[in-house]
């Protein structure tokens, strides 16, 4: 793996599972320019970003096919039981599982899709707390608007495929089996 940046997103699944899950995914992409170009080609007309929930089943399959063609892709998925009132806690728990694994793969930065400024700030404060507790040492975290960076669309698509596979809606198990390095499930 030659990449030093991972691209991350989250998804919350409340339907089709025994318990609601908060999922976080980090994708390690070796060829970022090729990934950006590929993802832009499948962006629906008049859309600012590619979002799984907005796609038809046909477009979902097409999206995963494009992602498979990007080249070396490594995926780390973390999940935590969630509830309507505890999503931020579940996010912190996922980050606590995800960031040390990324650091073990020598990833220096996790880029997440920006939410609100206070939420982004809470992520950074949590990272600082993780450093104080010696859970991570050097990894950094950045936040970027989803419409500005097509590489952020990839973890959205991966989590969509993961969630649809887990709930039996669609089957992307072969893609997941070939690309997921670590799956850290706490629920």
C-alpha atoms as a PDB file:
ATOM      1  CA  UNK A   1       0.000   0.000   0.000  1.00  0.00           C
ATOM      2  CA  UNK A   2       1.582   3.276  -1.074  1.00  0.00           C
ATOM      3  CA  UNK A   3      -1.188   5.690  -0.063  1.00  0.00           C
ATOM      4  CA  UNK A   4      -0.892   7.771   3.085  1.00  0.00           C
ATOM      5  CA  UNK A   5      -4.406   9.258   3.040  1.00  0.00           C
ATOM      6  CA  UNK A   6      -7.669   7.450   3.735  1.00  0.00           C
ATOM      7  CA  UNK A   7     -11.054   8.807   2.722  1.00  0.00           C
ATOM      8  CA  UNK A   8     -13.930   8.294   5.151  1.00  0.00           C
ATOM      9  CA  UNK A   9     -17.657   8.540   5.517  1.00  0.00           C
ATOM     10  CA  UNK A  10     -20.394   7.332   7.819  1.00  0.00           C
ATOM     11  CA  UNK A  11     -23.783   5.743   7.411  1.00  0.00           C
ATOM     12  CA  UNK A  12     -26.576   5.004   9.834  1.00  0.00           C
ATOM     13  CA  UNK A  13     -28.724   1.927   9.262  1.00  0.00           C
ATOM     14  CA  UNK A  14     -31.957   1.650  11.227  1.00  0.00           C
ATOM     15  CA  UNK A  15     -33.953  -0.690   8.966  1.00  0.00           C
ATOM     16  CA  UNK A  16     -33.425  -4.334   8.092  1.00  0.00           C
ATOM     17  CA  UNK A  17     -31.027  -5.133  10.943  1.00  0.00           C
ATOM     18  CA  UNK A  18     -31.530  -6.646  14.389  1.00  0.00           C
ATOM     19  CA  UNK A  19     -30.189  -3.417  15.923  1.00  0.00           C
ATOM     20  CA  UNK A  20     -29.507   0.007  14.405  1.00  0.00           C
ATOM     21  CA  UNK A  21     -25.882   0.456  13.361  1.00  0.00           C
ATOM     22  CA  UNK A  22     -23.628   3.470  12.962  1.00  0.00           C
ATOM     23  CA  UNK A  23     -21.048   2.581  10.311  1.00  0.00           C
ATOM     24  CA  UNK A  24     -17.803   4.285   9.389  1.00  0.00           C
ATOM     25  CA  UNK A  25     -15.685   3.365   6.426  1.00  0.00           C
ATOM     26  CA  UNK A  26     -12.209   4.423   5.387  1.00  0.00           C
ATOM     27  CA  UNK A  27     -10.998   3.741   1.861  1.00  0.00           C
ATOM     28  CA  UNK A  28      -7.307   3.684   1.072  1.00  0.00           C
ATOM     29  CA  UNK A  29      -6.910   4.589  -2.594  1.00  0.00           C
ATOM     30  CA  UNK A  30      -3.564   4.295  -4.358  1.00  0.00           C
ATOM     31  CA  UNK A  31      -4.435   6.376  -7.440  1.00  0.00           C
ATOM     32  CA  UNK A  32      -6.429   9.398  -6.240  1.00  0.00           C
ATOM     33  CA  UNK A  33      -6.470  11.290  -9.597  1.00  0.00           C
ATOM     34  CA  UNK A  34      -7.833   8.214 -11.407  1.00  0.00           C
ATOM     35  CA  UNK A  35     -10.398   7.676  -8.655  1.00  0.00           C
ATOM     36  CA  UNK A  36     -11.565  11.300  -8.871  1.00  0.00           C
ATOM     37  CA  UNK A  37     -11.873  11.123 -12.643  1.00  0.00           C
ATOM     38  CA  UNK A  38     -13.732   7.810 -12.542  1.00  0.00           C
ATOM     39  CA  UNK A  39     -16.181   8.969  -9.892  1.00  0.00           C
ATOM     40  CA  UNK A  40     -16.966  12.177 -11.793  1.00  0.00           C
ATOM     41  CA  UNK A  41     -17.971  10.132 -14.852  1.00  0.00           C
ATOM     42  CA  UNK A  42     -20.772   8.418 -12.939  1.00  0.00           C
ATOM     43  CA  UNK A  43     -22.096  11.518 -11.187  1.00  0.00           C
ATOM     44  CA  UNK A  44     -25.760  11.939 -12.149  1.00  0.00           C
ATOM     45  CA  UNK A  45     -26.522  15.091 -14.096  1.00  0.00           C
ATOM     46  CA  UNK A  46     -27.338  18.108 -11.903  1.00  0.00           C
ATOM     47  CA  UNK A  47     -25.893  16.401  -8.803  1.00  0.00           C
ATOM     48  CA  UNK A  48     -23.161  17.921  -6.661  1.00  0.00           C
ATOM     49  CA  UNK A  49     -22.002  14.587  -5.257  1.00  0.00           C
ATOM     50  CA  UNK A  50     -22.666  10.890  -5.586  1.00  0.00           C
ATOM     51  CA  UNK A  51     -24.868   9.608  -2.774  1.00  0.00           C
ATOM     52  CA  UNK A  52     -25.942   5.954  -2.461  1.00  0.00           C
ATOM     53  CA  UNK A  53     -29.448   6.645  -1.226  1.00  0.00           C
ATOM     54  CA  UNK A  54     -30.192   8.725  -4.345  1.00  0.00           C
ATOM     55  CA  UNK A  55     -29.261   5.958  -6.811  1.00  0.00           C
ATOM     56  CA  UNK A  56     -31.399   3.319  -8.474  1.00  0.00           C
ATOM     57  CA  UNK A  57     -30.340  -0.312  -8.031  1.00  0.00           C
ATOM     58  CA  UNK A  58     -28.908  -0.265 -11.562  1.00  0.00           C
ATOM     59  CA  UNK A  59     -26.830   2.856 -10.800  1.00  0.00           C
ATOM     60  CA  UNK A  60     -25.664   1.312  -7.517  1.00  0.00           C
ATOM     61  CA  UNK A  61     -24.292  -1.728  -9.357  1.00  0.00           C
ATOM     62  CA  UNK A  62     -22.692   0.560 -11.948  1.00  0.00           C
ATOM     63  CA  UNK A  63     -21.090   2.620  -9.193  1.00  0.00           C
ATOM     64  CA  UNK A  64     -19.543  -0.431  -7.514  1.00  0.00           C
ATOM     65  CA  UNK A  65     -18.317  -1.665 -10.920  1.00  0.00           C
ATOM     66  CA  UNK A  66     -16.568   1.690 -11.468  1.00  0.00           C
ATOM     67  CA  UNK A  67     -15.033   1.567  -7.996  1.00  0.00           C
ATOM     68  CA  UNK A  68     -13.684  -1.942  -8.668  1.00  0.00           C
ATOM     69  CA  UNK A  69     -11.941  -0.642 -11.796  1.00  0.00           C
ATOM     70  CA  UNK A  70     -10.134   2.158  -9.951  1.00  0.00           C
ATOM     71  CA  UNK A  71      -7.341  -0.159  -8.945  1.00  0.00           C
ATOM     72  CA  UNK A  72      -5.945  -1.085  -5.578  1.00  0.00           C
ATOM     73  CA  UNK A  73      -8.534  -0.256  -2.961  1.00  0.00           C
ATOM     74  CA  UNK A  74      -8.411  -1.223   0.682  1.00  0.00           C
ATOM     75  CA  UNK A  75     -11.361  -0.743   2.969  1.00  0.00           C
ATOM     76  CA  UNK A  76     -11.683  -0.653   6.738  1.00  0.00           C
ATOM     77  CA  UNK A  77     -15.193  -0.696   8.217  1.00  0.00           C
ATOM     78  CA  UNK A  78     -16.130  -0.025  11.834  1.00  0.00           C
ATOM     79  CA  UNK A  79     -19.620  -0.374  13.290  1.00  0.00           C
ATOM     80  CA  UNK A  80     -21.219   0.431  16.599  1.00  0.00           C
ATOM     81  CA  UNK A  81     -24.746  -0.097  17.843  1.00  0.00           C
ATOM     82  CA  UNK A  82     -26.635   3.136  17.473  1.00  0.00           C
ATOM     83  CA  UNK A  83     -29.810   4.786  18.627  1.00  0.00           C
ATOM     84  CA  UNK A  84     -31.527   7.977  17.628  1.00  0.00           C
ATOM     85  CA  UNK A  85     -30.029   9.844  20.583  1.00  0.00           C
ATOM     86  CA  UNK A  86     -26.559   8.289  20.614  1.00  0.00           C
ATOM     87  CA  UNK A  87     -25.209   8.721  17.081  1.00  0.00           C
ATOM     88  CA  UNK A  88     -22.377  11.026  18.198  1.00  0.00           C
ATOM     89  CA  UNK A  89     -21.272   8.500  20.828  1.00  0.00           C
ATOM     90  CA  UNK A  90     -21.364   5.750  18.201  1.00  0.00           C
ATOM     91  CA  UNK A  91     -19.286   7.964  15.876  1.00  0.00           C
ATOM     92  CA  UNK A  92     -16.640   8.451  18.575  1.00  0.00           C
ATOM     93  CA  UNK A  93     -16.529   4.689  19.224  1.00  0.00           C
ATOM     94  CA  UNK A  94     -16.117   4.010  15.494  1.00  0.00           C
ATOM     95  CA  UNK A  95     -13.282   6.552  15.297  1.00  0.00           C
ATOM     96  CA  UNK A  96     -11.622   4.857  18.283  1.00  0.00           C
ATOM     97  CA  UNK A  97     -11.657   1.586  16.361  1.00  0.00           C
ATOM     98  CA  UNK A  98     -10.888   2.987  12.931  1.00  0.00           C
ATOM     99  CA  UNK A  99      -8.020   5.418  13.557  1.00  0.00           C
ATOM    100  CA  UNK A 100      -5.600   2.968  15.265  1.00  0.00           C
ATOM    101  CA  UNK A 101      -6.121   0.470  12.445  1.00  0.00           C
ATOM    102  CA  UNK A 102      -5.423   3.146   9.832  1.00  0.00           C
ATOM    103  CA  UNK A 103      -2.324   4.218  11.734  1.00  0.00           C
ATOM    104  CA  UNK A 104      -1.124   0.592  11.734  1.00  0.00           C
ATOM    105  CA  UNK A 105      -1.355   0.728   7.911  1.00  0.00           C
ATOM    106  CA  UNK A 106       0.835   3.866   8.009  1.00  0.00           C
ATOM    107  CA  UNK A 107      -1.995   6.177   7.010  1.00  0.00           C
ATOM    108  CA  UNK A 108      -1.125   9.717   8.083  1.00  0.00           C
ATOM    109  CA  UNK A 109      -4.475  11.436   7.428  1.00  0.00           C
ATOM    110  CA  UNK A 110      -8.127  10.462   7.468  1.00  0.00           C
ATOM    111  CA  UNK A 111     -10.215  12.860   5.367  1.00  0.00           C
ATOM    112  CA  UNK A 112     -13.876  12.872   6.347  1.00  0.00           C
ATOM    113  CA  UNK A 113     -16.826  14.569   4.744  1.00  0.00           C
ATOM    114  CA  UNK A 114     -17.473  17.802   6.583  1.00  0.00           C
ATOM    115  CA  UNK A 115     -20.697  17.987   8.543  1.00  0.00           C
ATOM    116  CA  UNK A 116     -21.239  21.172  10.554  1.00  0.00           C
ATOM    117  CA  UNK A 117     -18.396  23.219  11.989  1.00  0.00           C
ATOM    118  CA  UNK A 118     -19.228  22.237  15.609  1.00  0.00           C
ATOM    119  CA  UNK A 119     -19.453  18.541  14.619  1.00  0.00           C
ATOM    120  CA  UNK A 120     -16.137  18.704  12.758  1.00  0.00           C
ATOM    121  CA  UNK A 121     -14.597  20.398  15.792  1.00  0.00           C
ATOM    122  CA  UNK A 122     -15.899  17.615  18.065  1.00  0.00           C
ATOM    123  CA  UNK A 123     -14.168  15.063  15.820  1.00  0.00           C
ATOM    124  CA  UNK A 124     -10.877  16.939  16.185  1.00  0.00           C
ATOM    125  CA  UNK A 125     -11.319  17.259  19.951  1.00  0.00           C
ATOM    126  CA  UNK A 126     -11.960  13.527  20.155  1.00  0.00           C
ATOM    127  CA  UNK A 127      -8.796  12.858  18.150  1.00  0.00           C
ATOM    128  CA  UNK A 128      -6.852  14.995  20.645  1.00  0.00           C
ATOM    129  CA  UNK A 129      -8.353  12.970  23.504  1.00  0.00           C
ATOM    130  CA  UNK A 130      -7.365   9.753  21.732  1.00  0.00           C
ATOM    131  CA  UNK A 131      -3.783  11.036  21.547  1.00  0.00           C
ATOM    132  CA  UNK A 132      -3.827  11.864  25.268  1.00  0.00           C
ATOM    133  CA  UNK A 133      -5.028   8.315  25.995  1.00  0.00           C
ATOM    134  CA  UNK A 134      -2.292   6.939  23.682  1.00  0.00           C
ATOM    135  CA  UNK A 135      -4.808   5.271  21.361  1.00  0.00           C
ATOM    136  CA  UNK A 136      -3.153   6.958  18.362  1.00  0.00           C
ATOM    137  CA  UNK A 137       0.095   8.816  17.899  1.00  0.00           C
ATOM    138  CA  UNK A 138       0.442  10.661  14.619  1.00  0.00           C
ATOM    139  CA  UNK A 139      -2.652  10.297  12.443  1.00  0.00           C
ATOM    140  CA  UNK A 140      -4.419  13.539  11.514  1.00  0.00           C
ATOM    141  CA  UNK A 141      -8.015  14.199  10.555  1.00  0.00           C
ATOM    142  CA  UNK A 142      -9.289  16.683   7.970  1.00  0.00           C
ATOM    143  CA  UNK A 143     -12.827  17.569   6.902  1.00  0.00           C
ATOM    144  CA  UNK A 144     -13.793  18.536   3.335  1.00  0.00           C
ATOM    145  CA  UNK A 145     -17.170  19.245   1.730  1.00  0.00           C
ATOM    146  CA  UNK A 146     -18.432  16.126  -0.042  1.00  0.00           C
ATOM    147  CA  UNK A 147     -19.153  17.997  -3.253  1.00  0.00           C
ATOM    148  CA  UNK A 148     -15.529  19.182  -3.442  1.00  0.00           C
ATOM    149  CA  UNK A 149     -13.813  15.781  -3.323  1.00  0.00           C
ATOM    150  CA  UNK A 150     -14.978  12.756  -5.358  1.00  0.00           C
ATOM    151  CA  UNK A 151     -12.791  10.403  -3.289  1.00  0.00           C
ATOM    152  CA  UNK A 152     -15.239  11.012  -0.440  1.00  0.00           C
ATOM    153  CA  UNK A 153     -17.989   9.502  -2.564  1.00  0.00           C
ATOM    154  CA  UNK A 154     -16.226   6.134  -2.556  1.00  0.00           C
ATOM    155  CA  UNK A 155     -16.710   5.327   1.156  1.00  0.00           C
ATOM    156  CA  UNK A 156     -20.337   6.479   0.808  1.00  0.00           C
ATOM    157  CA  UNK A 157     -20.803   3.950  -1.988  1.00  0.00           C
ATOM    158  CA  UNK A 158     -18.935   1.217  -0.092  1.00  0.00           C
ATOM    159  CA  UNK A 159     -21.067   1.711   3.021  1.00  0.00           C
ATOM    160  CA  UNK A 160     -24.191   1.686   0.884  1.00  0.00           C
ATOM    161  CA  UNK A 161     -23.116  -1.614  -0.664  1.00  0.00           C
ATOM    162  CA  UNK A 162     -22.177  -2.973   2.769  1.00  0.00           C
ATOM    163  CA  UNK A 163     -25.513  -1.963   4.283  1.00  0.00           C
ATOM    164  CA  UNK A 164     -27.537  -3.305   1.362  1.00  0.00           C
ATOM    165  CA  UNK A 165     -25.636  -6.601   1.549  1.00  0.00           C
ATOM    166  CA  UNK A 166     -26.158  -6.897   5.326  1.00  0.00           C
ATOM    167  CA  UNK A 167     -29.887  -6.189   5.021  1.00  0.00           C
ATOM    168  CA  UNK A 168     -30.357  -8.471   2.000  1.00  0.00           C
ATOM    169  CA  UNK A 169     -31.537  -5.646  -0.259  1.00  0.00           C
ATOM    170  CA  UNK A 170     -28.738  -6.151  -2.823  1.00  0.00           C
ATOM    171  CA  UNK A 171     -25.691  -8.427  -2.838  1.00  0.00           C
ATOM    172  CA  UNK A 172     -22.219  -6.909  -3.083  1.00  0.00           C
ATOM    173  CA  UNK A 173     -20.563  -9.599  -0.959  1.00  0.00           C
ATOM    174  CA  UNK A 174     -17.946 -10.480  -3.590  1.00  0.00           C
ATOM    175  CA  UNK A 175     -16.809  -6.848  -3.876  1.00  0.00           C
ATOM    176  CA  UNK A 176     -16.630  -6.553  -0.086  1.00  0.00           C
ATOM    177  CA  UNK A 177     -14.796  -9.874   0.298  1.00  0.00           C
ATOM    178  CA  UNK A 178     -12.150  -8.761  -2.221  1.00  0.00           C
ATOM    179  CA  UNK A 179     -11.560  -5.280  -0.788  1.00  0.00           C
ATOM    180  CA  UNK A 180     -12.227  -5.155   2.955  1.00  0.00           C
ATOM    181  CA  UNK A 181      -9.009  -5.369   4.990  1.00  0.00           C
ATOM    182  CA  UNK A 182     -10.555  -5.043   8.434  1.00  0.00           C
ATOM    183  CA  UNK A 183     -14.090  -5.179   9.714  1.00  0.00           C
ATOM    184  CA  UNK A 184     -14.425  -4.054  13.333  1.00  0.00           C
ATOM    185  CA  UNK A 185     -17.978  -4.692  14.456  1.00  0.00           C
ATOM    186  CA  UNK A 186     -18.992  -3.963  18.039  1.00  0.00           C
ATOM    187  CA  UNK A 187     -22.685  -4.778  17.850  1.00  0.00           C
END
